[in-house]
Amino acid sequence: MAEEWLKGNFDNPRFIAVWWGDAFCRGDASWTEAEDLYEASQQDPSIILTTGVLVGETGTQLSIMSTIIEDGSAGGQIHIIPKGWIIARRDLT
């Protein structure tokens, strides 16, 4: 089933560009100074541009891949982007 899904996306790709705000964390397992925490709370998220083949979409997320092998046996990295984080999207197909 999975190989047919990936092969279908190879044979009929739907290319997309998505701009989205990325989450980030500040601090580690030790205590973090109040000033550092405050500065982090005031930062805007980084805006990210992801492009590739739209291989899945649900009510809450998009799934985008950059690389798919022709026979559908494997592919490259997949980005799962929550729809609530998306700023803009554009179909490129």
Protein backbone atom coordinates (compact mmCIF):
# COMPACT_ATOMS: atom_id res chain seq x y z
CA MET A 1 0.00 0.00 0.00
CA ALA A 2 2.73 2.49 0.97
CA GLU A 3 4.73 1.88 -2.22
CA GLU A 4 1.64 2.43 -4.40
CA TRP A 5 0.98 5.71 -2.52
CA LEU A 6 4.55 6.91 -3.07
CA LYS A 7 4.60 5.76 -6.73
CA GLY A 8 1.31 7.61 -7.31
CA ASN A 9 2.89 10.81 -6.00
CA PHE A 10 5.90 10.24 -8.29
CA ASP A 11 3.69 9.68 -11.35
CA ASN A 12 1.30 12.57 -10.62
CA PRO A 13 3.15 15.08 -8.43
CA ARG A 14 1.40 18.12 -7.02
CA PHE A 15 4.10 20.72 -6.40
CA ILE A 16 3.53 23.27 -3.64
CA ALA A 17 5.25 26.14 -1.82
CA VAL A 18 4.34 26.80 1.82
CA TRP A 19 5.41 29.70 4.04
CA TRP A 20 5.02 28.94 7.73
CA GLY A 21 6.09 30.13 11.18
CA ASP A 22 8.41 27.72 12.95
CA ALA A 23 8.18 26.90 16.65
CA PHE A 24 11.33 27.18 18.75
CA CYS A 25 12.50 26.44 22.28
CA ARG A 26 14.87 28.33 24.53
CA GLY A 27 16.68 26.80 27.47
CA ASP A 28 17.74 23.32 28.38
CA ALA A 29 17.44 20.88 31.29
CA SER A 30 19.10 23.34 33.66
CA TRP A 31 17.63 26.58 35.05
CA THR A 32 17.34 29.49 32.62
CA GLU A 33 17.74 33.08 33.75
CA ALA A 34 14.55 35.17 33.81
CA GLU A 35 16.04 37.71 31.38
CA ASP A 36 16.76 34.97 28.80
CA LEU A 37 13.24 33.59 29.19
CA TYR A 38 11.72 37.04 28.77
CA GLU A 39 13.78 37.76 25.63
CA ALA A 40 12.69 34.43 24.13
CA SER A 41 9.03 35.21 24.86
CA GLN A 42 9.31 38.43 22.82
CA GLN A 43 10.79 36.85 19.68
CA ASP A 44 8.78 36.32 16.51
CA PRO A 45 9.01 32.87 14.95
CA SER A 46 11.30 32.33 11.99
CA ILE A 47 9.41 32.29 8.70
CA ILE A 48 10.21 29.15 6.72
CA LEU A 49 9.66 28.39 3.01
CA THR A 50 9.17 24.71 2.19
CA THR A 51 8.68 23.50 -1.39
CA GLY A 52 8.16 20.03 -2.77
CA VAL A 53 5.57 17.41 -3.61
CA LEU A 54 2.36 17.53 -1.58
CA VAL A 55 1.95 13.88 -0.58
CA GLY A 56 -0.79 14.30 2.01
CA GLU A 57 -3.27 16.76 3.45
CA THR A 58 -5.65 16.37 6.37
CA GLY A 59 -7.84 18.86 8.17
CA THR A 60 -4.90 19.77 10.41
CA GLN A 61 -1.67 19.31 8.44
CA LEU A 62 0.19 19.21 5.12
CA SER A 63 2.79 16.56 4.24
CA ILE A 64 5.47 17.64 1.76
CA MET A 65 8.36 15.58 0.35
CA SER A 66 11.36 16.73 -1.64
CA THR A 67 12.49 13.42 -3.14
CA ILE A 68 10.74 10.24 -4.33
CA ILE A 69 12.33 7.19 -5.99
CA GLU A 70 10.65 6.24 -9.29
CA ASP A 71 9.41 2.80 -8.23
CA GLY A 72 7.90 4.13 -5.00
CA SER A 73 10.15 2.04 -2.78
CA ALA A 74 11.55 5.02 -0.85
CA GLY A 75 11.70 8.79 -0.62
CA GLY A 76 13.54 11.63 1.06
CA GLN A 77 12.65 13.72 4.05
CA ILE A 78 8.98 14.47 4.73
CA HIS A 79 7.83 17.70 6.37
CA ILE A 80 4.61 17.54 8.40
CA ILE A 81 3.41 21.15 8.81
CA PRO A 82 0.45 21.98 11.06
CA LYS A 83 -2.09 24.08 9.13
CA GLY A 84 -2.35 26.53 12.03
CA TRP A 85 1.31 27.47 11.44
CA ILE A 86 0.85 28.18 7.71
CA ILE A 87 1.04 31.83 6.65
CA ALA A 88 0.58 31.27 2.91
CA ARG A 89 0.60 28.49 0.34
CA ARG A 90 0.82 28.37 -3.43
CA ASP A 91 0.18 25.46 -5.77
CA LEU A 92 3.04 25.28 -8.28
CA THR A 93 1.55 22.59 -10.54
